[in-house]
Amino acid sequence: MHRGPTGHFVPISTTGETARAFIPHALPPDPPLDLDGGLGSLLDTASTAIGRLDGISLVLPDPELFLYTYIRQEAVLSSQIEGTQSSLSDLMRHELEGAPSALLEDVTEVSCYVDAMQHGLARLQQGEPISLRLLKEIHARLLSHGRGSSKQPGDFRRSQNWIGGSRPGNARFVPPPPDAVIECMGALEKFIHNQPVRTRPLLKAALAHVQFETIHPFLDGNGRLGRLLITFLLCAEGVLRQPLLYLSLHFKRHRDEYYRLLQEVRETGDWEEWLHFFCEGVIATSESAVETARRLLDLFARSRQVLAGESATALRLHECFTQHPIASAASAAAALGVTHPTATKALRTLESHGIVREITGGDYRRLYVYSEYLDILDEGTEAPH
């Protein structure tokens, strides 16, 4: 189907030169999406995969535990797409120690992402609808510290931005001029609330993500907030009880294709190819999350078996490690309500069984990590070098 560009260009003059900024048409796409045949059934498969993923939150002994690490894994990946070097264990060490590290700026950025995500989800659970006000509130959290904190956190941009290139004249893409942002975002808000038409949740999340990235309404943090929007939408629509679906690993693995398809939608109106990519990501990500949950449950059971003859403190400490895979003697003592020597003894027990290993190599403030747990979660989130 030939649809043509999904918006129109307007001339702008900025930084002393002229360029063309793109203003997207309001959603839904016109002419309507072609959901016959392959794409329709792919959407159904993706919906089924999300249903299975949602189902695991009911059988998990402690869904909070998965959420804790999943949210952090997503934060790391989404920030890596933007160029940070922080890994999952960097973030967890930072949270435990609050210690400065060589990656302090990167880790700060990732912890702001965790905070923004948790804040947004809490607001949705309180019944707050997804609105421009809520997006600004989440954005303010996202950019509260670190590199973007000077880039108007919580406010739509009042100046021109661009993507790729050193200035608008040689950019890969120039989003709408600042005076068009409110109108574009207002139309997107209406679409999210099923005006002018009701849109099925998965389709809505896929379309809204592209539209948000195209409008690029903030000076910084658009990529991360646009990826969060997908999960927020699916939770707000009741498709997911727990925010277990994160597409950043899929976007990171196929980064060039991701950016190409966003641009393709703008230039040629090829929403269908983007939807194929999006649905494949949902299917792969959902299946891998279900598989990860199974592997972790299996790991915990094996570790408990190994510790069967050990002290109650050692077993309780293992329980703590399932919730937070990195600990020090001090954090273990506090979590268990025992003395420092008792905690140290329990840590040594777990270490002697190969369940945890010491990762600092020093005598002072030793840190222990539940190695296999972190290895399972780290797949795909290793810091880029």
Protein backbone atom coordinates (compact mmCIF):
# COMPACT_ATOMS: atom_id res chain seq x y z
CA MET A 1 0.00 0.00 0.00
CA HIS A 2 1.31 3.44 -0.86
CA ARG A 3 0.70 5.89 1.94
CA GLY A 4 3.35 8.58 1.45
CA PRO A 5 4.98 10.66 4.20
CA THR A 6 3.18 10.66 7.56
CA GLY A 7 3.49 14.40 8.01
CA HIS A 8 4.56 17.59 6.26
CA PHE A 9 7.70 19.70 6.28
CA VAL A 10 7.91 23.33 7.33
CA PRO A 11 10.88 25.62 6.74
CA ILE A 12 12.67 26.73 9.89
CA SER A 13 15.49 29.13 10.46
CA THR A 14 17.75 28.29 13.36
CA THR A 15 21.44 28.58 14.29
CA GLY A 16 21.82 30.97 11.37
CA GLU A 17 20.67 28.58 8.62
CA THR A 18 17.45 27.28 7.15
CA ALA A 19 16.30 23.67 7.40
CA ARG A 20 13.09 21.67 7.14
CA ALA A 21 11.30 20.44 10.26
CA PHE A 22 8.79 17.60 10.12
CA ILE A 23 5.30 17.87 11.65
CA PRO A 24 3.58 14.47 11.88
CA HIS A 25 -0.10 13.98 11.01
CA ALA A 26 -2.25 12.97 13.96
CA LEU A 27 -2.80 9.25 14.57
CA PRO A 28 -4.30 6.85 13.57
CA PRO A 29 -2.61 6.36 10.16
CA ASP A 30 -4.58 7.32 7.08
CA PRO A 31 -5.29 5.29 4.98
CA PRO A 32 -5.86 2.70 7.75
CA LEU A 33 -3.31 0.00 8.54
CA ASP A 34 -3.39 -3.15 6.47
CA LEU A 35 -3.89 -5.80 9.15
CA ASP A 36 -5.02 -8.55 6.81
CA GLY A 37 -2.92 -11.65 6.52
CA GLY A 38 0.53 -11.76 8.09
CA LEU A 39 0.46 -8.63 10.22
CA GLY A 40 -2.91 -9.34 11.85
CA SER A 41 -1.86 -12.81 12.92
CA LEU A 42 1.53 -11.52 14.08
CA LEU A 43 -0.29 -9.02 16.33
CA ASP A 44 -2.38 -11.89 17.72
CA THR A 45 0.77 -13.95 18.39
CA ALA A 46 2.35 -10.96 20.13
CA SER A 47 -0.79 -10.47 22.27
CA THR A 48 -0.70 -14.16 23.24
CA ALA A 49 3.00 -13.89 24.16
CA ILE A 50 2.25 -10.90 26.41
CA GLY A 51 -0.62 -12.89 27.97
CA ARG A 52 1.81 -15.70 28.85
CA LEU A 53 4.27 -13.19 30.25
CA ASP A 54 1.52 -11.60 32.34
CA GLY A 55 0.58 -15.08 33.55
CA ILE A 56 4.02 -15.71 35.06
CA SER A 57 3.51 -12.83 37.46
CA LEU A 58 0.77 -14.98 39.02
CA VAL A 59 2.90 -18.12 39.46
CA LEU A 60 6.06 -16.42 40.66
CA PRO A 61 6.52 -16.80 44.40
CA ASP A 62 7.64 -13.20 44.53
CA PRO A 63 6.85 -11.06 41.48
CA GLU A 64 8.41 -8.07 43.26
CA LEU A 65 11.77 -9.82 43.08
CA PHE A 66 11.59 -10.08 39.30
CA LEU A 67 10.34 -6.55 39.02
CA TYR A 68 13.25 -5.28 41.06
CA THR A 69 15.85 -6.75 38.73
CA TYR A 70 13.82 -6.39 35.52
CA ILE A 71 13.29 -2.69 36.00
CA ARG A 72 17.03 -2.27 36.57
CA GLN A 73 17.91 -4.41 33.58
CA GLU A 74 15.64 -2.30 31.38
CA ALA A 75 17.09 0.93 32.80
CA VAL A 76 20.62 -0.22 31.97
CA LEU A 77 19.71 -1.29 28.43
CA SER A 78 17.64 1.77 27.59
CA SER A 79 20.45 4.03 28.81
CA GLN A 80 23.06 2.01 26.87
CA ILE A 81 21.13 2.74 23.65
CA GLU A 82 21.82 6.41 24.46
CA GLY A 83 25.52 5.68 24.95
CA THR A 84 26.04 5.09 28.68
CA GLN A 85 28.63 2.48 29.69
CA SER A 86 27.07 1.35 32.97
CA SER A 87 26.31 -2.36 33.50
CA LEU A 88 23.72 -4.01 35.75
CA SER A 89 26.29 -4.84 38.43
CA ASP A 90 27.62 -1.23 38.33
CA LEU A 91 24.10 -0.01 39.08
CA MET A 92 23.51 -2.52 41.88
CA ARG A 93 26.86 -1.77 43.49
CA HIS A 94 26.09 1.95 43.29
CA GLU A 95 22.70 1.43 44.95
CA LEU A 96 24.25 -0.65 47.71
CA GLU A 97 27.23 1.55 48.46
CA GLY A 98 26.29 4.92 47.01
CA ALA A 99 30.03 5.01 46.36
CA PRO A 100 31.46 7.18 43.59
CA SER A 101 32.70 5.16 40.67
CA ALA A 102 34.45 5.91 37.41
CA LEU A 103 31.00 5.63 35.85
CA LEU A 104 29.24 7.88 38.33
CA GLU A 105 27.53 10.01 35.67
CA ASP A 106 26.33 6.93 33.78
CA VAL A 107 25.14 5.15 36.91
CA THR A 108 23.33 8.29 38.11
CA GLU A 109 21.54 8.46 34.77
CA VAL A 110 20.45 4.83 35.07
CA SER A 111 19.24 5.27 38.66
CA CYS A 112 17.16 8.28 37.57
CA TYR A 113 15.58 6.00 34.96
CA VAL A 114 14.67 3.46 37.67
CA ASP A 115 13.17 6.26 39.77
CA ALA A 116 11.21 7.71 36.81
CA MET A 117 9.85 4.29 35.91
CA GLN A 118 8.76 3.45 39.46
CA HIS A 119 7.19 6.89 39.89
CA GLY A 120 5.21 6.55 36.64
CA LEU A 121 3.99 3.06 37.51
CA ALA A 122 2.96 4.16 41.00
CA ARG A 123 0.95 7.06 39.52
CA LEU A 124 -0.80 4.71 37.09
CA GLN A 125 -1.66 2.34 39.95
CA GLN A 126 -3.20 5.30 41.78
CA GLY A 127 -5.53 5.66 38.80
CA GLU A 128 -3.75 8.61 37.15
CA PRO A 129 -4.35 8.47 33.36
CA ILE A 130 -1.47 8.81 30.90
CA SER A 131 -1.51 12.53 30.18
CA LEU A 132 0.89 15.24 29.07
CA ARG A 133 1.10 16.33 32.70
CA LEU A 134 2.11 12.83 33.81
CA LEU A 135 4.71 12.54 31.01
CA LYS A 136 6.25 15.84 32.11
CA GLU A 137 6.28 14.66 35.72
CA ILE A 138 8.08 11.43 34.75
CA HIS A 139 10.49 13.38 32.55
CA ALA A 140 11.38 15.65 35.48
CA ARG A 141 12.40 12.53 37.44
CA LEU A 142 14.28 11.06 34.50
CA LEU A 143 16.47 14.16 34.15
CA SER A 144 16.66 15.17 37.81
CA HIS A 145 20.41 14.37 38.07
CA GLY A 146 23.26 13.70 35.70
CA ARG A 147 23.90 14.90 32.19
CA GLY A 148 20.40 16.04 31.22
CA SER A 149 19.62 17.98 34.39
CA SER A 150 20.32 21.33 32.70
CA LYS A 151 18.00 20.51 29.77
CA GLN A 152 14.64 21.74 31.13
CA PRO A 153 13.53 18.61 33.02
CA GLY A 154 9.73 18.35 33.05
CA ASP A 155 9.17 20.99 30.35
CA PHE A 156 8.44 20.66 26.66
CA ARG A 157 11.24 22.20 24.64
CA ARG A 158 11.17 25.85 23.69
CA SER A 159 13.96 25.57 21.13
CA GLN A 160 14.61 23.48 18.03
CA ASN A 161 16.31 20.09 18.39
CA TRP A 162 17.50 17.62 15.77
CA ILE A 163 18.65 14.01 15.51
CA GLY A 164 21.99 12.98 14.03
CA GLY A 165 24.35 15.59 12.56
CA SER A 166 25.96 18.62 14.16
CA ARG A 167 23.21 21.11 13.26
CA PRO A 168 19.70 21.08 11.71
CA GLY A 169 21.14 21.61 8.21
CA ASN A 170 22.98 18.27 8.16
CA ALA A 171 20.75 16.35 10.61
CA ARG A 172 19.25 12.95 9.86
CA PHE A 173 15.90 14.18 11.14
CA VAL A 174 14.51 17.50 12.38
CA PRO A 175 11.42 17.19 14.66
CA PRO A 176 8.58 19.77 14.72
CA PRO A 177 9.43 23.39 15.58
CA PRO A 178 8.87 24.22 19.28
CA ASP A 179 5.64 26.13 18.63
CA ALA A 180 4.08 22.97 17.14
CA VAL A 181 5.01 20.64 20.00
CA ILE A 182 1.97 21.27 22.23
CA GLU A 183 -0.48 20.69 19.38
CA CYS A 184 1.27 17.49 18.26
CA MET A 185 1.43 16.17 21.83
CA GLY A 186 -2.21 17.12 22.44
CA ALA A 187 -3.22 15.02 19.41
CA LEU A 188 -1.09 12.12 20.69
CA GLU A 189 -2.78 12.35 24.12
CA LYS A 190 -6.19 12.13 22.42
CA PHE A 191 -5.10 9.08 20.43
CA ILE A 192 -3.91 7.40 23.65
CA HIS A 193 -7.41 7.99 25.05
CA ASN A 194 -9.08 6.38 22.02
CA GLN A 195 -10.05 9.58 20.21
CA PRO A 196 -11.00 9.63 17.40
CA VAL A 197 -11.02 5.80 17.37
CA ARG A 198 -10.52 2.96 19.84
CA THR A 199 -7.19 1.23 19.12
CA ARG A 200 -6.17 -2.14 20.52
CA PRO A 201 -3.52 -1.70 23.22
CA LEU A 202 -0.56 -3.37 21.51
CA LEU A 203 -1.13 -1.44 18.30
CA LYS A 204 -1.59 1.75 20.29
CA ALA A 205 1.74 1.25 22.10
CA ALA A 206 3.55 0.60 18.80
CA LEU A 207 2.10 3.65 17.05
CA ALA A 208 2.37 6.00 20.05
CA HIS A 209 6.05 5.14 20.50
CA VAL A 210 6.93 6.20 16.94
CA GLN A 211 4.81 9.34 17.21
CA PHE A 212 6.47 10.35 20.48
CA GLU A 213 9.97 9.83 19.01
CA THR A 214 8.97 11.84 15.93
CA ILE A 215 7.67 14.78 17.97
CA HIS A 216 10.75 14.57 20.25
CA PRO A 217 8.98 16.95 22.67
CA PHE A 218 11.82 17.36 25.19
CA LEU A 219 15.37 18.65 24.82
CA ASP A 220 16.79 15.41 26.20
CA GLY A 221 15.60 11.99 27.37
CA ASN A 222 13.12 11.44 24.51
CA GLY A 223 14.43 7.97 23.62
CA ARG A 224 14.24 6.70 27.18
CA LEU A 225 10.82 8.21 27.89
CA GLY A 226 9.49 6.95 24.55
CA ARG A 227 10.55 3.41 25.47
CA LEU A 228 8.97 3.76 28.92
CA LEU A 229 5.75 4.90 27.27
CA ILE A 230 5.32 1.44 25.70
CA THR A 231 5.28 -0.30 29.10
CA PHE A 232 3.20 2.44 30.75
CA LEU A 233 0.57 2.12 28.03
CA LEU A 234 0.32 -1.65 28.35
CA CYS A 235 -0.02 -1.38 32.15
CA ALA A 236 -2.56 1.46 31.92
CA GLU A 237 -4.64 -0.58 29.46
CA GLY A 238 -4.61 -3.58 31.80
CA VAL A 239 -2.68 -5.79 29.35
CA LEU A 240 0.05 -6.29 31.96
CA ARG A 241 -0.50 -6.50 35.70
CA GLN A 242 3.20 -6.05 36.31
CA PRO A 243 5.58 -4.08 34.08
CA LEU A 244 7.47 -7.13 32.85
CA LEU A 245 7.74 -6.26 29.15
CA TYR A 246 10.74 -4.24 28.11
CA LEU A 247 11.79 -3.89 24.50
CA SER A 248 15.14 -2.17 24.98
CA LEU A 249 17.13 -5.39 24.51
CA HIS A 250 15.42 -5.92 21.13
CA PHE A 251 15.99 -2.27 20.17
CA LYS A 252 19.61 -2.43 21.31
CA ARG A 253 20.34 -5.65 19.40
CA HIS A 254 18.76 -4.23 16.22
CA ARG A 255 19.62 -0.62 16.80
CA ASP A 256 20.29 0.39 13.19
CA GLU A 257 17.10 -1.27 11.98
CA TYR A 258 15.13 0.38 14.80
CA TYR A 259 16.26 3.86 13.75
CA ARG A 260 15.84 3.06 10.04
CA LEU A 261 12.23 1.93 10.55
CA LEU A 262 11.30 5.03 12.56
CA GLN A 263 12.60 7.16 9.69
CA GLU A 264 10.90 4.92 7.11
CA VAL A 265 7.50 5.55 8.75
CA ARG A 266 8.06 9.31 8.52
CA GLU A 267 9.23 9.31 4.92
CA THR A 268 7.08 6.65 3.27
CA GLY A 269 4.28 5.89 5.74
CA ASP A 270 5.38 2.26 6.02
CA TRP A 271 3.79 1.57 9.39
CA GLU A 272 3.40 -2.11 8.54
CA GLU A 273 7.15 -2.86 8.45
CA TRP A 274 7.61 -1.07 11.79
CA LEU A 275 4.73 -3.11 13.28
CA HIS A 276 6.36 -6.36 12.09
CA PHE A 277 9.57 -5.36 13.85
CA PHE A 278 7.70 -4.25 16.97
CA CYS A 279 5.62 -7.46 17.22
CA GLU A 280 8.67 -9.65 16.67
CA GLY A 281 10.34 -7.76 19.53
CA VAL A 282 7.32 -8.27 21.79
CA ILE A 283 7.27 -12.01 21.04
CA ALA A 284 11.02 -12.52 21.52
CA THR A 285 11.16 -10.34 24.64
CA SER A 286 8.12 -11.99 26.26
CA GLU A 287 9.42 -15.49 25.59
CA SER A 288 12.86 -14.65 26.91
CA ALA A 289 11.40 -13.06 30.08
CA VAL A 290 9.34 -16.21 30.77
CA GLU A 291 12.45 -18.33 30.19
CA THR A 292 14.55 -16.10 32.50
CA ALA A 293 11.94 -16.44 35.25
CA ARG A 294 12.05 -20.24 34.92
CA ARG A 295 15.85 -20.31 35.04
CA LEU A 296 15.95 -18.13 38.14
CA LEU A 297 13.35 -20.23 39.98
CA ASP A 298 15.37 -23.32 39.07
CA LEU A 299 18.60 -21.68 40.31
CA PHE A 300 17.01 -20.67 43.64
CA ALA A 301 15.72 -24.21 44.19
CA ARG A 302 19.15 -25.74 43.48
CA SER A 303 20.87 -23.29 45.84
CA ARG A 304 18.37 -24.09 48.61
CA GLN A 305 19.05 -27.79 48.12
CA VAL A 306 22.80 -27.25 48.47
CA LEU A 307 22.22 -25.29 51.69
CA ALA A 308 19.78 -27.85 53.15
CA GLY A 309 22.06 -28.85 56.04
CA GLU A 310 23.28 -25.35 56.88
CA SER A 311 22.17 -22.84 59.53
CA ALA A 312 18.84 -20.99 59.38
CA THR A 313 20.85 -17.75 59.01
CA ALA A 314 22.56 -19.07 55.86
CA LEU A 315 19.15 -19.99 54.38
CA ARG A 316 17.71 -16.59 55.25
CA LEU A 317 20.76 -14.92 53.73
CA HIS A 318 20.21 -16.87 50.51
CA GLU A 319 16.63 -15.54 50.53
CA CYS A 320 18.04 -11.99 50.79
CA PHE A 321 20.35 -12.64 47.82
CA THR A 322 17.35 -13.72 45.68
CA GLN A 323 15.96 -10.22 46.25
CA HIS A 324 19.18 -8.30 45.83
CA PRO A 325 22.03 -10.21 44.19
CA ILE A 326 24.83 -8.02 45.64
CA ALA A 327 25.52 -7.60 49.37
CA SER A 328 28.19 -6.60 51.87
CA ALA A 329 28.54 -7.98 55.39
CA ALA A 330 27.02 -4.74 56.71
CA SER A 331 23.99 -4.86 54.37
CA ALA A 332 23.51 -8.58 55.11
CA ALA A 333 23.66 -7.96 58.88
CA ALA A 334 21.08 -5.16 58.56
CA ALA A 335 18.75 -7.23 56.34
CA LEU A 336 18.89 -10.24 58.66
CA GLY A 337 18.91 -8.32 61.93
CA VAL A 338 22.06 -10.13 63.10
CA THR A 339 25.56 -9.06 64.17
CA HIS A 340 28.33 -8.36 61.71
CA PRO A 341 30.29 -11.57 62.62
CA THR A 342 27.14 -13.72 62.23
CA ALA A 343 26.47 -12.21 58.81
CA THR A 344 30.11 -12.71 57.79
CA LYS A 345 29.95 -16.35 58.83
CA ALA A 346 26.77 -16.90 56.78
CA LEU A 347 28.38 -15.19 53.77
CA ARG A 348 31.39 -17.53 54.07
CA THR A 349 29.02 -20.52 54.15
CA LEU A 350 27.37 -19.41 50.91
CA GLU A 351 30.78 -18.68 49.43
CA SER A 352 32.12 -22.14 50.36
CA HIS A 353 29.23 -23.71 48.39
CA GLY A 354 30.04 -21.55 45.36
CA ILE A 355 26.68 -19.74 45.59
CA VAL A 356 28.17 -16.29 46.10
CA ARG A 357 31.61 -14.96 45.34
CA GLU A 358 33.54 -11.99 46.65
CA ILE A 359 34.09 -9.39 43.95
CA THR A 360 36.12 -6.60 45.52
CA GLY A 361 39.29 -8.52 46.26
CA GLY A 362 40.08 -6.32 49.27
CA ASP A 363 39.75 -6.69 53.01
CA TYR A 364 37.73 -3.53 53.40
CA ARG A 365 34.02 -3.36 52.49
CA ARG A 366 33.95 -6.66 50.68
CA LEU A 367 31.09 -7.16 48.28
CA TYR A 368 29.56 -10.54 47.52
CA VAL A 369 27.55 -11.35 44.43
CA TYR A 370 25.11 -14.19 43.69
CA SER A 371 27.10 -15.00 40.56
CA GLU A 372 24.77 -17.24 38.61
CA TYR A 373 21.79 -14.95 39.25
CA LEU A 374 23.62 -11.93 37.90
CA ASP A 375 25.00 -13.93 34.96
CA ILE A 376 21.45 -14.87 33.89
CA LEU A 377 20.27 -11.28 34.12
CA ASP A 378 23.41 -9.82 32.58
CA GLU A 379 22.93 -11.62 29.24
CA GLY A 380 22.68 -8.82 26.74
CA THR A 381 23.28 -6.04 29.28
CA GLU A 382 27.06 -6.24 29.38
CA ALA A 383 28.42 -2.75 29.12
CA PRO A 384 29.44 -1.87 25.55
CA HIS A 385 33.20 -1.50 25.19
